[in-house]
Amino acid sequence: MFILGLQGSPRKKGNTDILLSTFMGEAEKLGARTQTIDVTRKNIEPCKELVVCEKKGYCPIEDEMESEVYPLIRQADIIVIASPVFFYSVSAQLKAAIDRCQMFWARKYCLKLSDPLRNTRRGFMLAVGATKGKLLFSGIELLTKIFYDAVGAKYEGSLTYRGVEKRGEIADHPTMKEDVKNAVAKLLQPLMKRKKVLFACRENACRSQIAAAFAQQLAGDRIEALCGGSTPIEKINPMMSEVMAESGIDMEYRVPQSIEDALVDGNPEIIVTMGCGEACPILPGTQRIDWDLEDPAAQSIEFMRKTRDEIEQKVIDLIKDL
């Protein structure tokens, strides 16, 4: 399970940073893998309203949103936004990153594409404010809910703290640590019950990506679908992305990885191989299933469509068996 944190405070080791770090620490105790992006120290340009995303489904601005943040959002099972209150909203740096996620909104609502993880991905909000007004967090909560809808995550709630201003004082808050512990346990519990299945092929650019996407879409509440390659390449197969889009499934910003990287969180219960042969690992205690699928790379688009449909049926059958 992978949890992505978006830290929006420009103050180093401030209250927001401490709150998010505490949250991620509790998640790691339960076995989750976490990564925090400090958006205030990334090269993230604000949205320039070029409208390319609504017409073509991508943002033409080349910065760390494109190279780092977008792929991590696609990979995440849980996304946590953390920010201090700035004029009843998030910090300007975090707002810029959120605005740039208009691209996901466009792919979902304009291009009618579905992120395979959208049914199971969860979102949570952490916020700290110096004053004690009743509506202090209303703006952040509304913005966060809209953001999570765009990136394909269900908003699961928040932890907010009023009257916290001095650097580091959140660490001494009487209920913060227990609040975080309880919130993390409740958030992670449904996802921790899933059966872990690894789909493995050679390049992790086509077959295993298709299988993982179908498993995530069709049974993401029961299966934690991972994928990897024995010799992964840099980018997914664009023709694969095209034929999956014909089925309404969005594969953009999925990045090939090695089998070893896919196993960083531990061995799966099942490994499904499809073309990696002897390079696919034999894992103690793991059930191995071999699918005889010809590599569609360098084949026609008709062959790619046939492969897509064959993999979908195999995934459906696998889900039934499980």
Protein backbone atom coordinates (compact mmCIF):
# COMPACT_ATOMS: atom_id res chain seq x y z
CA MET A 1 0.00 0.00 0.00
CA PHE A 2 1.41 3.38 -1.03
CA ILE A 3 0.51 6.66 0.68
CA LEU A 4 1.44 10.00 -0.90
CA GLY A 5 1.61 13.15 1.20
CA LEU A 6 1.48 16.65 -0.29
CA GLN A 7 3.01 19.00 2.27
CA GLY A 8 2.03 22.62 1.61
CA SER A 9 3.71 24.62 4.37
CA PRO A 10 6.67 26.84 3.43
CA ARG A 11 7.85 26.71 7.06
CA LYS A 12 10.46 24.02 7.67
CA LYS A 13 9.71 21.76 10.65
CA GLY A 14 6.53 23.71 11.30
CA ASN A 15 3.22 22.48 12.65
CA THR A 16 1.95 21.18 9.32
CA ASP A 17 5.19 19.31 8.71
CA ILE A 18 5.04 17.73 12.18
CA LEU A 19 1.39 16.76 11.76
CA LEU A 20 1.95 15.11 8.39
CA SER A 21 5.12 13.36 9.58
CA THR A 22 3.21 11.95 12.55
CA PHE A 23 0.48 10.71 10.19
CA MET A 24 2.98 9.05 7.85
CA GLY A 25 4.84 7.49 10.77
CA GLU A 26 1.66 5.83 12.02
CA ALA A 27 0.93 4.55 8.51
CA GLU A 28 4.40 3.04 8.26
CA LYS A 29 3.86 1.22 11.57
CA LEU A 30 0.90 -0.52 9.91
CA GLY A 31 3.05 -1.59 6.96
CA ALA A 32 2.34 1.17 4.43
CA ARG A 33 5.01 2.65 2.19
CA THR A 34 4.92 6.44 2.27
CA GLN A 35 6.40 9.37 0.40
CA THR A 36 5.99 13.06 1.13
CA ILE A 37 6.39 15.78 -1.48
CA ASP A 38 7.18 19.21 -0.12
CA VAL A 39 5.51 21.19 -2.88
CA THR A 40 6.92 24.49 -1.61
CA ARG A 41 10.41 23.32 -2.57
CA LYS A 42 9.56 21.86 -5.95
CA ASN A 43 9.72 23.51 -9.35
CA ILE A 44 5.98 23.80 -9.96
CA GLU A 45 4.68 26.45 -12.35
CA PRO A 46 1.16 27.80 -11.81
CA CYS A 47 -1.58 26.97 -14.30
CA LYS A 48 -1.42 29.26 -17.34
CA GLU A 49 -4.88 28.38 -18.68
CA LEU A 50 -3.50 27.05 -21.95
CA VAL A 51 -6.55 24.75 -22.23
CA VAL A 52 -4.43 21.99 -23.78
CA CYS A 53 -5.47 19.59 -20.99
CA GLU A 54 -9.15 19.91 -21.87
CA LYS A 55 -8.51 19.27 -25.56
CA LYS A 56 -5.66 16.75 -25.50
CA GLY A 57 -5.56 15.48 -21.92
CA TYR A 58 -2.11 16.60 -20.88
CA CYS A 59 -0.44 19.70 -19.44
CA PRO A 60 2.20 21.22 -21.75
CA ILE A 61 4.11 22.82 -18.88
CA GLU A 62 7.26 20.78 -18.30
CA ASP A 63 8.26 20.82 -14.63
CA GLU A 64 8.20 18.55 -11.60
CA MET A 65 4.43 18.12 -11.74
CA GLU A 66 4.90 16.32 -15.04
CA SER A 67 8.01 14.36 -14.15
CA GLU A 68 7.30 13.46 -10.51
CA VAL A 69 3.96 14.46 -9.00
CA TYR A 70 1.54 13.18 -11.66
CA PRO A 71 3.03 9.64 -11.69
CA LEU A 72 3.00 9.45 -7.88
CA ILE A 73 -0.66 10.55 -7.74
CA ARG A 74 -1.52 7.78 -10.20
CA GLN A 75 0.35 5.23 -8.08
CA ALA A 76 -1.03 6.24 -4.69
CA ASP A 77 -3.64 4.24 -2.80
CA ILE A 78 -4.10 7.13 -0.37
CA ILE A 79 -3.34 10.84 -0.90
CA VAL A 80 -2.97 13.12 2.11
CA ILE A 81 -3.07 16.91 1.72
CA ALA A 82 -1.52 18.91 4.56
CA SER A 83 -1.50 22.71 4.77
CA PRO A 84 -1.66 25.67 7.12
CA VAL A 85 -4.54 28.07 6.60
CA PHE A 86 -3.67 30.94 4.25
CA PHE A 87 -6.65 33.30 3.86
CA TYR A 88 -9.08 30.42 4.50
CA SER A 89 -7.39 28.22 1.88
CA VAL A 90 -4.17 26.29 1.39
CA SER A 91 -0.76 27.87 0.79
CA ALA A 92 -0.11 29.43 -2.61
CA GLN A 93 2.44 26.75 -3.48
CA LEU A 94 0.03 23.91 -2.75
CA LYS A 95 -2.77 25.73 -4.57
CA ALA A 96 -0.55 25.93 -7.66
CA ALA A 97 -0.01 22.17 -7.55
CA ILE A 98 -3.75 21.56 -7.10
CA ASP A 99 -4.58 23.88 -10.00
CA ARG A 100 -2.22 21.90 -12.22
CA CYS A 101 -4.27 18.78 -11.48
CA GLN A 102 -6.92 20.24 -13.77
CA MET A 103 -5.31 17.82 -16.22
CA PHE A 104 -6.79 14.87 -14.28
CA TRP A 105 -10.19 16.58 -14.22
CA ALA A 106 -10.01 17.02 -18.01
CA ARG A 107 -9.09 13.39 -18.62
CA LYS A 108 -11.98 12.29 -16.43
CA TYR A 109 -14.73 14.65 -17.52
CA CYS A 110 -13.72 15.80 -21.01
CA LEU A 111 -12.04 12.66 -22.37
CA LYS A 112 -14.28 10.31 -20.34
CA LEU A 113 -11.37 8.18 -19.10
CA SER A 114 -11.39 6.31 -15.80
CA ASP A 115 -8.39 5.90 -13.51
CA PRO A 116 -8.27 2.18 -12.55
CA LEU A 117 -7.74 3.07 -8.87
CA ARG A 118 -10.56 5.59 -8.60
CA ASN A 119 -12.93 3.15 -6.86
CA THR A 120 -10.50 2.40 -4.03
CA ARG A 121 -8.16 5.39 -3.74
CA ARG A 122 -8.77 7.45 -0.61
CA GLY A 123 -8.07 11.07 0.31
CA PHE A 124 -7.50 12.68 3.69
CA MET A 125 -6.86 16.27 4.80
CA LEU A 126 -4.67 17.70 7.56
CA ALA A 127 -4.82 21.40 8.37
CA VAL A 128 -3.61 23.79 11.04
CA GLY A 129 -4.84 27.34 11.64
CA ALA A 130 -3.74 30.11 14.00
CA THR A 131 -7.20 31.52 14.75
CA LYS A 132 -10.31 29.84 16.13
CA GLY A 133 -13.07 30.93 13.76
CA LYS A 134 -15.94 28.55 13.06
CA LEU A 135 -15.37 28.67 9.28
CA LEU A 136 -11.58 28.52 9.50
CA PHE A 137 -11.27 25.26 7.54
CA SER A 138 -14.34 25.54 5.29
CA GLY A 139 -12.41 26.82 2.28
CA ILE A 140 -9.68 24.19 2.54
CA GLU A 141 -12.22 21.39 2.94
CA LEU A 142 -14.18 22.44 -0.16
CA LEU A 143 -11.01 22.78 -2.23
CA THR A 144 -9.75 19.41 -1.02
CA LYS A 145 -12.98 17.62 -1.90
CA ILE A 146 -12.87 19.04 -5.42
CA PHE A 147 -9.21 18.05 -5.79
CA TYR A 148 -9.91 14.49 -4.71
CA ASP A 149 -12.79 14.21 -7.15
CA ALA A 150 -10.47 15.30 -9.96
CA VAL A 151 -7.66 12.85 -9.14
CA GLY A 152 -10.00 9.93 -8.49
CA ALA A 153 -10.05 9.60 -4.71
CA LYS A 154 -12.85 9.35 -2.17
CA TYR A 155 -12.65 12.03 0.51
CA GLU A 156 -12.50 10.20 3.85
CA GLY A 157 -12.29 13.10 6.28
CA SER A 158 -9.84 15.37 8.04
CA LEU A 159 -7.96 16.32 11.16
CA THR A 160 -7.94 20.07 11.79
CA TYR A 161 -6.48 22.10 14.66
CA ARG A 162 -7.37 25.67 15.58
CA GLY A 163 -5.35 28.15 17.60
CA VAL A 164 -1.98 26.64 16.67
CA GLU A 165 0.56 29.24 15.56
CA LYS A 166 3.94 28.95 17.29
CA ARG A 167 6.44 26.78 15.47
CA GLY A 168 6.23 23.18 16.67
CA GLU A 169 3.47 23.58 19.24
CA ILE A 170 1.27 20.99 17.53
CA ALA A 171 3.64 18.35 18.92
CA ASP A 172 2.37 19.15 22.43
CA HIS A 173 -1.31 19.17 21.50
CA PRO A 174 -3.11 16.98 24.06
CA THR A 175 -5.00 14.81 21.54
CA MET A 176 -3.07 15.11 18.26
CA LYS A 177 -1.08 11.87 18.41
CA GLU A 178 -4.06 9.79 19.48
CA ASP A 179 -6.24 11.52 16.85
CA VAL A 180 -3.73 10.63 14.15
CA LYS A 181 -3.33 7.05 15.33
CA ASN A 182 -7.08 6.45 15.25
CA ALA A 183 -7.57 8.20 11.89
CA VAL A 184 -4.76 6.23 10.23
CA ALA A 185 -6.06 2.90 11.55
CA LYS A 186 -9.57 3.64 10.28
CA LEU A 187 -8.30 4.82 6.88
CA LEU A 188 -5.95 1.91 6.24
CA GLN A 189 -7.97 -0.96 7.67
CA PRO A 190 -10.15 -1.70 4.58
CA LEU A 191 -7.12 -1.66 2.26
CA MET A 192 -5.01 -3.88 4.52
CA LYS A 193 -7.37 -6.82 4.01
CA ARG A 194 -6.72 -7.06 0.27
CA LYS A 195 -4.90 -10.00 -1.33
CA LYS A 196 -1.65 -8.90 -2.96
CA VAL A 197 -1.20 -10.03 -6.58
CA LEU A 198 1.88 -9.27 -8.70
CA PHE A 199 1.58 -9.29 -12.49
CA ALA A 200 5.00 -9.73 -14.10
CA CYS A 201 6.20 -9.57 -17.69
CA ARG A 202 9.41 -8.53 -19.41
CA GLU A 203 9.26 -4.75 -19.95
CA ASN A 204 6.34 -3.82 -17.66
CA ALA A 205 5.19 -1.61 -20.49
CA CYS A 206 2.17 -3.51 -21.73
CA ARG A 207 0.85 -6.94 -20.61
CA SER A 208 1.46 -6.64 -16.87
CA GLN A 209 0.25 -3.03 -16.89
CA ILE A 210 -2.99 -4.05 -18.58
CA ALA A 211 -3.56 -6.89 -16.12
CA ALA A 212 -2.89 -4.72 -13.08
CA ALA A 213 -5.21 -2.00 -14.38
CA PHE A 214 -8.10 -4.41 -14.95
CA ALA A 215 -7.56 -5.97 -11.51
CA GLN A 216 -7.55 -2.53 -9.89
CA GLN A 217 -10.68 -1.45 -11.70
CA LEU A 218 -12.67 -4.66 -11.26
CA ALA A 219 -11.59 -5.75 -7.78
CA GLY A 220 -9.50 -3.03 -6.18
CA ASP A 221 -11.35 -3.52 -2.90
CA ARG A 222 -10.18 -7.15 -2.74
CA ILE A 223 -6.90 -7.14 -4.67
CA GLU A 224 -3.82 -4.97 -4.26
CA ALA A 225 -2.62 -5.29 -7.86
CA LEU A 226 1.07 -4.70 -8.48
CA CYS A 227 3.09 -5.05 -11.65
CA GLY A 228 6.74 -5.19 -12.64
CA GLY A 229 9.13 -6.29 -15.35
CA SER A 230 12.26 -8.43 -15.47
CA THR A 231 13.87 -5.81 -17.75
CA PRO A 232 11.66 -2.71 -17.44
CA ILE A 233 11.89 0.05 -20.02
CA GLU A 234 11.48 3.78 -19.53
CA LYS A 235 7.89 4.33 -20.69
CA ILE A 236 4.69 2.37 -21.17
CA ASN A 237 3.72 1.29 -24.67
CA PRO A 238 1.71 4.16 -26.24
CA MET A 239 -0.34 1.74 -28.34
CA MET A 240 -1.30 -0.11 -25.16
CA SER A 241 -2.43 3.18 -23.66
CA GLU A 242 -4.47 3.86 -26.79
CA VAL A 243 -6.36 0.55 -26.78
CA MET A 244 -7.00 0.78 -23.04
CA ALA A 245 -8.46 4.25 -23.61
CA GLU A 246 -10.84 2.62 -26.11
CA SER A 247 -12.13 0.65 -23.12
CA GLY A 248 -12.39 3.85 -21.08
CA ILE A 249 -9.35 3.09 -18.91
CA ASP A 250 -6.75 5.79 -18.33
CA MET A 251 -3.15 4.49 -18.39
CA GLU A 252 -1.27 7.78 -18.63
CA TYR A 253 1.42 8.53 -16.04
CA ARG A 254 1.86 4.86 -15.16
CA VAL A 255 5.60 4.19 -15.03
CA PRO A 256 7.32 0.82 -15.68
CA GLN A 257 9.27 -0.62 -12.76
CA SER A 258 11.34 -3.69 -12.00
CA ILE A 259 9.94 -6.77 -10.30
CA GLU A 260 12.28 -6.03 -7.40
CA ASP A 261 10.79 -2.55 -6.98
CA ALA A 262 7.29 -4.01 -7.12
CA LEU A 263 8.23 -6.32 -4.25
CA VAL A 264 9.55 -3.55 -1.98
CA ASP A 265 6.52 -3.91 0.31
CA GLY A 266 6.94 -7.68 0.63
CA ASN A 267 6.03 -10.81 -1.29
CA PRO A 268 2.55 -11.16 -2.81
CA GLU A 269 0.22 -14.09 -2.24
CA ILE A 270 0.09 -14.67 -6.00
CA ILE A 271 2.45 -13.89 -8.86
CA VAL A 272 1.06 -14.03 -12.40
CA THR A 273 3.76 -14.28 -15.05
CA MET A 274 3.31 -13.49 -18.72
CA GLY A 275 6.49 -13.67 -20.72
CA CYS A 276 9.34 -13.03 -18.30
CA GLY A 277 10.22 -16.73 -18.27
CA GLU A 278 13.14 -17.79 -16.10
CA ALA A 279 13.74 -14.16 -15.10
CA CYS A 280 10.51 -14.15 -13.08
CA PRO A 281 11.30 -14.97 -9.45
CA ILE A 282 10.31 -18.06 -7.53
CA LEU A 283 8.98 -16.67 -4.26
CA PRO A 284 8.61 -18.93 -1.23
CA GLY A 285 5.02 -19.19 -0.09
CA THR A 286 3.72 -17.44 -3.22
CA GLN A 287 1.37 -19.14 -5.66
CA ARG A 288 2.62 -18.85 -9.24
CA ILE A 289 0.30 -18.69 -12.24
CA ASP A 290 1.66 -18.60 -15.81
CA TRP A 291 -0.31 -16.95 -18.59
CA ASP A 292 0.88 -17.85 -22.09
CA LEU A 293 0.60 -14.46 -23.77
CA GLU A 294 2.60 -13.36 -26.77
CA ASP A 295 4.31 -10.00 -26.41
CA PRO A 296 2.20 -7.46 -28.39
CA ALA A 297 5.10 -4.98 -28.66
CA ALA A 298 5.84 -4.15 -32.32
CA GLN A 299 2.61 -5.92 -33.35
CA SER A 300 -0.43 -4.34 -34.98
CA ILE A 301 -3.04 -2.40 -33.05
CA GLU A 302 -5.50 -5.20 -33.79
CA PHE A 303 -3.17 -7.63 -32.04
CA MET A 304 -2.92 -5.21 -29.11
CA ARG A 305 -6.70 -5.09 -28.85
CA LYS A 306 -6.85 -8.89 -28.89
CA THR A 307 -4.24 -9.02 -26.11
CA ARG A 308 -6.19 -6.46 -24.07
CA ASP A 309 -9.41 -8.48 -24.33
CA GLU A 310 -7.66 -11.76 -23.56
CA ILE A 311 -6.02 -10.30 -20.46
CA GLU A 312 -9.30 -8.79 -19.27
CA GLN A 313 -10.99 -12.20 -19.43
CA LYS A 314 -8.08 -13.85 -17.63
CA VAL A 315 -8.28 -11.22 -14.88
CA ILE A 316 -12.04 -11.78 -14.55
CA ASP A 317 -11.44 -15.51 -14.22
CA LEU A 318 -8.70 -14.92 -11.64
CA ILE A 319 -11.00 -12.72 -9.57
CA LYS A 320 -13.65 -15.46 -9.62
CA ASP A 321 -11.11 -18.02 -8.43
CA LEU A 322 -10.03 -15.77 -5.59
